[in-house]
Amino acid sequence: MNILILGSGGREYSIGLSIYKENEHQLFFMPGNGATDTLGTNINIKDYHDLASWAKEKAIDLTIVGPEAPLVDGVVDIFKANNLVIFGPSAAAARLEGSKVYMKNMLKKFNVPTAAFIETNSISEANDFIDSMQIPIVVKADGLCAGKGVIIAQSKDEAKEAVSDMLNGVSFGDAGTNVVVEEFLDGYELSVFAICDGENYKVLPAAQDHKRVGNGDTGPNTGGMGAYAPTPLVDETIYQKIEDRVIKPTLKGMKEEGAPFEGVLFIGVMVVRGEPIILEYNVRFGDPECEILMPLLETPVSELFYKGATKDLKNLDIKIKKEFGVGVVMASGNYPYSSSEPAEIIVDTIVDVELLNNSHISYAGVSKDNGKLLATGGRVLVCVGFGESIKIARDRAYALCGQVHFAGKKIRTDIAYQALK
């Protein structure tokens, strides 16, 4: 197949890498990054109508959308109007991520268990609700904030300040013109991904992400500093509860809303005393969870996405490798506070055969200049290791980190600590 992947990060690179290893397909990336050109061809067509015309000319058989912004902007609708096969939700269904207010109201409407909340554009109404709550308190901007629009306030004054900054446009601009204030749930967090075709779904192994920049989950939230899967903190009972109480009513409800959900339903779960409570939905793969989940698939990745895009998941027997994956994000020195100067990336030759065969790099914030790969983003790359245990996978991921060098590189050294403590 001719396959187009939209996006430029580690998520898109990892999807492309898995498909590249199938040795059957021609890959294109829009816009891609400085490393995706080793897997396929980078193109730069930003207008979605023009991109759809290009896809028809190039006989693109499948388009896979990585990030949330094109989905919210309606790229799927445009491609489908041109009779192109594309994996991802419509703009109407993508509101599950595009608006936290919409998402929380849908959870309530579909009777999906979630934290007590209020959605409002009134500072006084939000403050009254905050005064009635126990701390900590969660404040969320309504719109897309690249994973950073959530404040966990440790005092009522901090929560009120966060609400004020959001509603006044100080924190997140137009994305914060409405807010959700909700109770803080005390448990452990999971990332669960369901591949959906509007009616049917396939659930991938649950992962755990590490959002905070520092060891021990300290410092500000980031887009994610590492992840591992499958997590041993999930058993079949929790999986079944997520399917019965969350995925099935959501797919049924979205169909009744006239916006059937197709694509990746990313379910942010907090397990509280054995019960899964839903924090939020996203409508695409998490990053860096995607980087570890793609290689764990024994089922060809291209087949999974194609059957998802053509409403044929019921005929897919999904197979998962019996191993674990750990991904460690390598970020620039100033991340997440400010941008860093571009720095050349040097990767040592790996002589350890076990490491060579059970690890790889997924590139994200990189560019290429005169054949040299440069670190240009906040999150630069992900070192991914695999093994028959989480410890072995983690050891390999960190061993790979030791082979990668650029000025100011930053990593957390405790990824997967929840599973190993």
Protein backbone atom coordinates (compact mmCIF):
# COMPACT_ATOMS: atom_id res chain seq x y z
CA MET A 1 0.00 0.00 0.00
CA ASN A 2 0.90 3.65 -0.37
CA ILE A 3 0.55 5.04 3.16
CA LEU A 4 0.57 8.69 4.28
CA ILE A 5 1.24 9.56 7.93
CA LEU A 6 0.32 13.03 9.18
CA GLY A 7 2.53 14.46 11.93
CA SER A 8 6.15 15.10 12.84
CA GLY A 9 6.78 13.58 16.26
CA GLY A 10 7.98 10.38 17.86
CA ARG A 11 4.45 8.97 17.67
CA GLU A 12 4.39 9.31 13.89
CA TYR A 13 7.96 8.06 13.54
CA SER A 14 7.13 4.95 15.59
CA ILE A 15 4.03 4.17 13.51
CA GLY A 16 6.12 4.64 10.38
CA LEU A 17 8.96 2.48 11.72
CA SER A 18 6.62 -0.43 12.45
CA ILE A 19 5.08 -0.20 8.98
CA TYR A 20 8.52 0.22 7.39
CA LYS A 21 9.60 -3.07 8.99
CA GLU A 22 6.73 -4.86 7.24
CA ASN A 23 8.70 -4.38 3.98
CA GLU A 24 5.52 -4.13 1.93
CA HIS A 25 4.57 -0.46 1.75
CA GLN A 26 5.56 2.93 0.37
CA LEU A 27 5.57 5.55 3.15
CA PHE A 28 5.01 9.30 3.03
CA PHE A 29 5.09 11.74 5.94
CA MET A 30 3.49 15.19 6.17
CA PRO A 31 5.53 17.02 7.32
CA GLY A 32 7.68 14.36 9.02
CA ASN A 33 10.91 15.20 10.78
CA GLY A 34 14.65 15.02 10.17
CA ALA A 35 14.66 11.23 10.63
CA THR A 36 11.44 10.09 8.94
CA ASP A 37 13.09 10.52 5.54
CA THR A 38 15.00 7.30 6.32
CA LEU A 39 11.64 5.47 6.40
CA GLY A 40 9.86 7.20 3.52
CA THR A 41 9.37 10.52 1.79
CA ASN A 42 8.65 13.78 3.62
CA ILE A 43 6.23 16.18 1.93
CA ASN A 44 5.09 19.65 2.91
CA ILE A 45 1.49 20.39 1.90
CA LYS A 46 -0.22 22.18 4.76
CA ASP A 47 -3.65 22.83 3.20
CA TYR A 48 -5.80 19.75 3.78
CA HIS A 49 -7.75 20.16 0.54
CA ASP A 50 -4.51 20.33 -1.43
CA LEU A 51 -3.19 17.37 0.55
CA ALA A 52 -6.29 15.33 -0.32
CA SER A 53 -5.78 16.17 -4.02
CA TRP A 54 -2.14 15.07 -3.74
CA ALA A 55 -3.21 11.84 -2.02
CA LYS A 56 -5.58 11.04 -4.89
CA GLU A 57 -2.87 11.75 -7.47
CA LYS A 58 -0.41 9.52 -5.63
CA ALA A 59 -2.99 6.76 -5.14
CA ILE A 60 -2.60 6.82 -1.36
CA ASP A 61 -4.36 3.71 -0.02
CA LEU A 62 -4.37 4.70 3.65
CA THR A 63 -3.77 7.90 5.59
CA ILE A 64 -3.01 7.74 9.33
CA VAL A 65 -3.43 10.91 11.39
CA GLY A 66 -1.05 11.19 14.34
CA PRO A 67 -1.70 14.48 16.22
CA GLU A 68 -4.95 15.89 17.54
CA ALA A 69 -4.97 19.29 15.80
CA PRO A 70 -5.63 18.00 12.23
CA LEU A 71 -8.41 15.78 13.59
CA VAL A 72 -10.11 18.66 15.38
CA ASP A 73 -9.67 20.77 12.23
CA GLY A 74 -11.54 18.18 10.12
CA VAL A 75 -8.87 16.55 7.97
CA VAL A 76 -10.74 13.22 8.15
CA ASP A 77 -13.93 14.80 6.81
CA ILE A 78 -12.02 16.38 3.91
CA PHE A 79 -10.31 13.13 2.96
CA LYS A 80 -13.52 11.11 3.19
CA ALA A 81 -15.29 13.66 0.98
CA ASN A 82 -12.60 12.81 -1.58
CA ASN A 83 -13.27 9.06 -1.20
CA LEU A 84 -9.92 8.49 0.50
CA VAL A 85 -9.36 5.90 3.24
CA ILE A 86 -8.21 7.65 6.40
CA PHE A 87 -7.80 6.46 9.98
CA GLY A 88 -9.07 8.88 12.61
CA PRO A 89 -12.25 10.47 13.95
CA SER A 90 -14.37 13.09 12.22
CA ALA A 91 -14.22 16.67 13.46
CA ALA A 92 -17.50 16.05 15.30
CA ALA A 93 -16.12 13.00 17.11
CA ALA A 94 -12.75 14.69 17.72
CA ARG A 95 -14.54 17.14 20.01
CA LEU A 96 -13.98 14.50 22.68
CA GLU A 97 -10.47 15.93 22.83
CA GLY A 98 -11.00 19.34 21.26
CA SER A 99 -13.28 20.44 24.10
CA LYS A 100 -12.90 19.18 27.65
CA VAL A 101 -16.31 20.68 28.41
CA TYR A 102 -17.89 18.60 25.63
CA MET A 103 -15.98 15.51 26.74
CA LYS A 104 -17.02 15.79 30.39
CA ASN A 105 -20.64 16.38 29.41
CA MET A 106 -20.55 13.31 27.15
CA LEU A 107 -19.11 11.19 29.98
CA LYS A 108 -21.97 12.36 32.16
CA LYS A 109 -24.55 11.73 29.43
CA PHE A 110 -23.24 8.22 28.68
CA ASN A 111 -23.05 7.37 32.43
CA VAL A 112 -19.30 6.77 32.22
CA PRO A 113 -17.72 7.02 35.70
CA THR A 114 -15.76 10.27 36.04
CA ALA A 115 -14.73 12.79 38.69
CA ALA A 116 -17.31 15.27 40.04
CA PHE A 117 -16.94 18.48 38.04
CA ILE A 118 -18.28 21.83 36.97
CA GLU A 119 -17.78 23.41 33.54
CA THR A 120 -18.09 27.16 33.36
CA ASN A 121 -16.84 30.45 31.93
CA SER A 122 -17.71 32.29 35.15
CA ILE A 123 -14.96 33.01 37.66
CA SER A 124 -17.44 33.43 40.51
CA GLU A 125 -19.22 30.17 39.71
CA ALA A 126 -15.88 28.34 39.55
CA ASN A 127 -14.78 29.90 42.84
CA ASP A 128 -17.99 28.84 44.58
CA PHE A 129 -17.42 25.27 43.42
CA ILE A 130 -13.76 25.40 44.54
CA ASP A 131 -14.85 26.56 48.01
CA SER A 132 -16.99 23.43 48.33
CA MET A 133 -14.14 21.04 47.42
CA GLN A 134 -11.31 19.23 49.16
CA ILE A 135 -7.75 19.90 48.00
CA PRO A 136 -5.97 19.19 45.74
CA ILE A 137 -8.24 20.50 42.99
CA VAL A 138 -7.92 19.93 39.24
CA VAL A 139 -8.41 22.83 36.81
CA LYS A 140 -8.48 22.17 33.04
CA ALA A 141 -8.56 24.54 30.08
CA ASP A 142 -11.31 23.58 27.63
CA GLY A 143 -9.36 23.53 24.37
CA LEU A 144 -6.21 21.95 22.95
CA CYS A 145 -3.09 22.80 24.99
CA ALA A 146 -0.64 20.11 23.80
CA GLY A 147 -1.07 18.11 27.00
CA LYS A 148 -0.27 21.06 29.27
CA GLY A 149 -3.69 22.55 30.03
CA VAL A 150 -4.18 20.77 33.36
CA ILE A 151 -3.33 22.32 36.73
CA ILE A 152 -3.37 20.26 39.93
CA ALA A 153 -3.78 22.99 42.53
CA GLN A 154 -2.53 22.31 46.05
CA SER A 155 -4.66 25.06 47.60
CA LYS A 156 -7.99 26.72 46.91
CA ASP A 157 -6.21 30.02 46.25
CA GLU A 158 -4.00 28.35 43.64
CA ALA A 159 -7.07 26.79 41.99
CA LYS A 160 -8.83 30.16 41.87
CA GLU A 161 -5.74 31.80 40.39
CA ALA A 162 -5.55 29.09 37.72
CA VAL A 163 -9.22 29.62 36.82
CA SER A 164 -8.73 33.38 36.64
CA ASP A 165 -5.62 33.08 34.44
CA MET A 166 -7.38 30.67 32.07
CA LEU A 167 -10.63 32.60 31.75
CA ASN A 168 -8.79 35.90 31.32
CA GLY A 169 -6.71 34.41 28.49
CA VAL A 170 -3.41 34.68 30.37
CA SER A 171 -2.55 30.97 30.48
CA PHE A 172 -3.80 29.33 27.29
CA GLY A 173 -5.41 32.03 25.17
CA ASP A 174 -8.63 30.97 23.45
CA ALA A 175 -8.17 27.38 24.70
CA GLY A 176 -9.01 28.60 28.21
CA THR A 177 -12.16 30.62 27.59
CA ASN A 178 -14.08 27.81 29.31
CA VAL A 179 -12.76 25.70 32.16
CA VAL A 180 -13.48 22.42 33.89
CA VAL A 181 -12.93 22.28 37.65
CA GLU A 182 -13.05 18.78 39.08
CA GLU A 183 -12.25 16.69 42.11
CA PHE A 184 -8.80 15.17 42.43
CA LEU A 185 -8.84 11.39 42.28
CA ASP A 186 -6.34 9.53 44.46
CA GLY A 187 -5.24 6.34 42.77
CA TYR A 188 -2.93 5.21 40.00
CA GLU A 189 -3.19 6.38 36.41
CA LEU A 190 -3.35 4.28 33.25
CA SER A 191 -3.33 4.99 29.53
CA VAL A 192 -5.71 2.65 27.71
CA PHE A 193 -6.08 2.73 23.93
CA ALA A 194 -8.98 1.30 21.97
CA ILE A 195 -8.78 1.08 18.18
CA CYS A 196 -12.36 1.78 17.02
CA ASP A 197 -14.26 1.62 13.74
CA GLY A 198 -17.54 3.19 14.90
CA GLU A 199 -19.02 -0.02 16.26
CA ASN A 200 -16.24 -2.50 16.97
CA TYR A 201 -13.01 -2.03 18.91
CA LYS A 202 -9.73 -3.67 19.88
CA VAL A 203 -8.04 -2.82 23.20
CA LEU A 204 -4.24 -2.58 23.37
CA PRO A 205 -2.18 -3.37 26.51
CA ALA A 206 -2.53 -0.70 29.19
CA ALA A 207 0.47 1.63 29.57
CA GLN A 208 1.68 4.04 32.21
CA ASP A 209 3.03 7.45 31.25
CA HIS A 210 5.35 9.67 33.31
CA LYS A 211 4.17 13.26 32.86
CA ARG A 212 6.33 15.16 35.33
CA VAL A 213 9.72 16.38 34.18
CA GLY A 214 11.67 15.15 37.23
CA ASN A 215 12.39 11.88 38.99
CA GLY A 216 9.78 10.82 41.52
CA ASP A 217 7.10 12.67 39.54
CA THR A 218 8.35 16.12 40.50
CA GLY A 219 8.32 19.41 38.60
CA PRO A 220 5.90 20.62 35.95
CA ASN A 221 3.80 18.49 33.63
CA THR A 222 5.27 17.71 30.23
CA GLY A 223 4.01 15.92 27.15
CA GLY A 224 5.49 12.78 28.71
CA MET A 225 9.01 11.78 29.82
CA GLY A 226 8.67 8.03 29.41
CA ALA A 227 6.24 5.11 29.48
CA TYR A 228 6.03 1.35 29.80
CA ALA A 229 3.58 -1.40 28.84
CA PRO A 230 1.92 -3.65 29.65
CA THR A 231 1.56 -2.49 33.24
CA PRO A 232 1.16 -5.20 35.90
CA LEU A 233 -1.20 -2.87 37.76
CA VAL A 234 -4.07 -3.96 35.49
CA ASP A 235 -5.86 -7.29 35.64
CA GLU A 236 -8.61 -8.80 33.52
CA THR A 237 -11.28 -7.47 35.89
CA ILE A 238 -10.19 -3.86 35.31
CA TYR A 239 -9.96 -4.41 31.54
CA GLN A 240 -13.48 -5.81 31.54
CA LYS A 241 -14.83 -2.91 33.60
CA ILE A 242 -13.24 -0.44 31.15
CA GLU A 243 -14.83 -2.23 28.20
CA ASP A 244 -18.28 -2.55 29.77
CA ARG A 245 -18.53 0.80 31.58
CA VAL A 246 -16.47 3.01 29.27
CA ILE A 247 -15.78 1.86 25.71
CA LYS A 248 -19.11 0.21 24.88
CA PRO A 249 -21.36 3.04 26.18
CA THR A 250 -19.12 5.65 24.55
CA LEU A 251 -19.23 4.02 21.12
CA LYS A 252 -22.98 3.51 21.44
CA GLY A 253 -23.47 7.08 22.66
CA MET A 254 -21.32 8.71 19.98
CA LYS A 255 -23.22 6.80 17.29
CA GLU A 256 -26.49 8.07 18.75
CA GLU A 257 -25.02 11.60 18.76
CA GLY A 258 -24.49 11.31 15.00
CA ALA A 259 -20.71 11.28 15.43
CA PRO A 260 -19.66 7.61 15.42
CA PHE A 261 -16.17 7.27 16.82
CA GLU A 262 -13.52 5.89 14.47
CA GLY A 263 -9.82 5.98 15.26
CA VAL A 264 -7.90 5.75 18.53
CA LEU A 265 -9.87 6.36 21.71
CA PHE A 266 -7.21 7.25 24.29
CA ILE A 267 -8.74 6.70 27.72
CA GLY A 268 -7.06 8.39 30.66
CA VAL A 269 -7.99 6.17 33.60
CA MET A 270 -7.52 6.63 37.33
CA VAL A 271 -7.96 3.39 39.26
CA VAL A 272 -9.40 4.22 42.67
CA ARG A 273 -9.79 1.28 45.06
CA GLY A 274 -10.01 -1.12 42.12
CA GLU A 275 -12.55 0.96 40.18
CA PRO A 276 -11.63 2.66 36.88
CA ILE A 277 -12.68 6.33 36.88
CA ILE A 278 -12.21 8.27 33.63
CA LEU A 279 -10.05 11.38 33.75
CA GLU A 280 -10.36 12.31 30.08
CA TYR A 281 -10.52 11.15 26.49
CA ASN A 282 -8.08 11.94 23.74
CA VAL A 283 -8.65 10.98 20.13
CA ARG A 284 -5.18 9.82 19.08
CA PHE A 285 -2.29 7.83 20.46
CA GLY A 286 -0.42 9.15 23.44
CA ASP A 287 3.20 10.11 23.05
CA PRO A 288 5.41 8.35 24.28
CA GLU A 289 2.95 5.45 24.80
CA CYS A 290 2.68 4.95 21.05
CA GLU A 291 6.43 4.41 20.78
CA ILE A 292 6.27 1.34 23.02
CA LEU A 293 2.90 -0.06 21.91
CA MET A 294 3.58 -0.21 18.16
CA PRO A 295 6.52 -2.64 18.48
CA LEU A 296 4.52 -4.84 20.90
CA LEU A 297 2.00 -5.57 18.14
CA GLU A 298 2.45 -8.91 16.42
CA THR A 299 -0.47 -8.04 14.14
CA PRO A 300 0.84 -5.87 11.28
CA VAL A 301 0.31 -2.22 12.22
CA SER A 302 -0.81 -1.36 8.69
CA GLU A 303 -3.53 -4.04 8.86
CA LEU A 304 -4.80 -2.76 12.22
CA PHE A 305 -5.14 0.81 10.95
CA TYR A 306 -6.59 -0.21 7.57
CA LYS A 307 -9.27 -2.40 9.12
CA GLY A 308 -10.04 0.38 11.60
CA ALA A 309 -10.42 2.85 8.74
CA THR A 310 -12.63 0.53 6.67
CA LYS A 311 -14.97 -0.61 9.49
CA ASP A 312 -13.61 -4.14 9.42
CA LEU A 313 -12.17 -4.63 12.93
CA LYS A 314 -14.56 -7.48 13.67
CA ASN A 315 -12.56 -9.59 11.19
CA LEU A 316 -9.21 -8.84 12.84
CA ASP A 317 -7.64 -11.20 15.36
CA ILE A 318 -5.22 -8.87 17.14
CA LYS A 319 -2.05 -10.47 18.49
CA ILE A 320 0.32 -8.94 21.07
CA LYS A 321 3.90 -10.08 21.68
CA LYS A 322 4.56 -11.67 25.07
CA GLU A 323 7.08 -9.08 26.18
CA PHE A 324 7.35 -5.66 27.79
CA GLY A 325 8.40 -2.32 26.39
CA VAL A 326 9.92 0.68 28.17
CA GLY A 327 10.49 4.04 26.52
CA VAL A 328 12.71 6.78 27.96
CA VAL A 329 12.33 10.28 26.50
CA MET A 330 15.52 12.19 25.87
CA ALA A 331 14.75 15.91 25.99
CA SER A 332 16.64 19.14 25.42
CA GLY A 333 18.26 20.80 28.40
CA ASN A 334 15.72 23.62 28.81
CA TYR A 335 12.62 21.43 28.36
CA PRO A 336 9.83 22.14 29.32
CA TYR A 337 10.66 25.71 30.31
CA SER A 338 12.07 27.14 27.06
CA SER A 339 13.59 26.13 23.74
CA SER A 340 17.21 25.01 23.46
CA GLU A 341 19.90 25.66 20.89
CA PRO A 342 20.09 23.04 18.10
CA ALA A 343 22.65 20.35 18.92
CA GLU A 344 24.13 17.57 16.82
CA ILE A 345 23.03 14.06 17.80
CA ILE A 346 25.68 11.37 17.84
CA VAL A 347 24.71 7.71 18.30
CA ASP A 348 27.49 5.26 19.16
CA THR A 349 27.76 2.01 17.24
CA ILE A 350 26.02 -0.67 19.30
CA VAL A 351 28.14 -3.81 19.62
CA ASP A 352 25.97 -5.66 22.16
CA VAL A 353 23.86 -8.00 19.99
CA GLU A 354 21.14 -8.37 22.65
CA LEU A 355 20.80 -4.59 22.89
CA LEU A 356 20.90 -4.17 19.12
CA ASN A 357 18.09 -6.69 18.61
CA ASN A 358 15.91 -5.51 21.49
CA SER A 359 16.00 -1.72 21.35
CA HIS A 360 15.62 1.18 18.96
CA ILE A 361 15.31 4.95 18.81
CA SER A 362 12.10 6.75 17.83
CA TYR A 363 12.99 10.25 16.68
CA ALA A 364 10.78 13.26 17.43
CA GLY A 365 12.14 16.81 17.72
CA VAL A 366 14.92 16.46 15.16
CA SER A 367 15.97 18.16 11.94
CA LYS A 368 18.64 17.41 9.38
CA ASP A 369 21.36 19.78 8.20
CA ASN A 370 24.00 18.68 5.70
CA GLY A 371 23.35 15.06 6.59
CA LYS A 372 23.73 15.67 10.32
CA LEU A 373 20.84 14.96 12.67
CA LEU A 374 20.15 17.85 15.06
CA ALA A 375 18.16 18.01 18.29
CA THR A 376 15.75 20.89 17.68
CA GLY A 377 12.68 20.04 19.75
CA GLY A 378 11.84 19.87 23.43
CA ARG A 379 11.37 16.12 23.41
CA VAL A 380 14.06 14.99 21.00
CA LEU A 381 13.77 11.20 20.85
CA VAL A 382 12.68 8.09 22.74
CA CYS A 383 15.02 5.21 23.58
CA VAL A 384 12.88 2.07 23.56
CA GLY A 385 13.87 -1.28 25.07
CA PHE A 386 12.09 -4.65 25.08
CA GLY A 387 12.39 -7.81 27.14
CA GLU A 388 10.65 -10.65 28.90
CA SER A 389 10.34 -8.53 32.03
CA ILE A 390 9.89 -4.84 32.71
CA LYS A 391 13.30 -4.71 34.39
CA ILE A 392 15.09 -6.20 31.39
CA ALA A 393 13.22 -3.87 29.02
CA ARG A 394 14.05 -0.87 31.20
CA ASP A 395 17.73 -1.84 31.47
CA ARG A 396 17.94 -2.03 27.69
CA ALA A 397 16.19 1.32 27.23
CA TYR A 398 18.66 3.01 29.58
CA ALA A 399 21.61 1.19 27.99
CA LEU A 400 20.51 2.68 24.67
CA CYS A 401 20.26 6.12 26.29
CA GLY A 402 23.95 5.76 27.12
CA GLN A 403 24.74 5.40 23.42
CA VAL A 404 23.06 8.68 22.44
CA HIS A 405 24.79 12.04 22.87
CA PHE A 406 23.89 15.69 22.30
CA ALA A 407 24.56 18.87 24.24
CA GLY A 408 22.18 19.35 27.18
CA LYS A 409 20.42 16.00 26.90
CA LYS A 410 17.97 15.38 29.76
CA ILE A 411 16.26 12.16 30.89
CA ARG A 412 14.40 10.82 33.87
CA THR A 413 16.22 7.90 35.47
CA ASP A 414 13.21 6.25 37.14
CA ILE A 415 10.86 5.31 34.28
CA ALA A 416 8.67 2.31 35.24
CA TYR A 417 9.42 2.76 38.94
CA GLN A 418 5.76 2.07 39.79
CA ALA A 419 6.04 -1.45 38.42
CA LEU A 420 9.43 -2.19 39.95
CA LYS A 421 9.18 -0.69 43.43
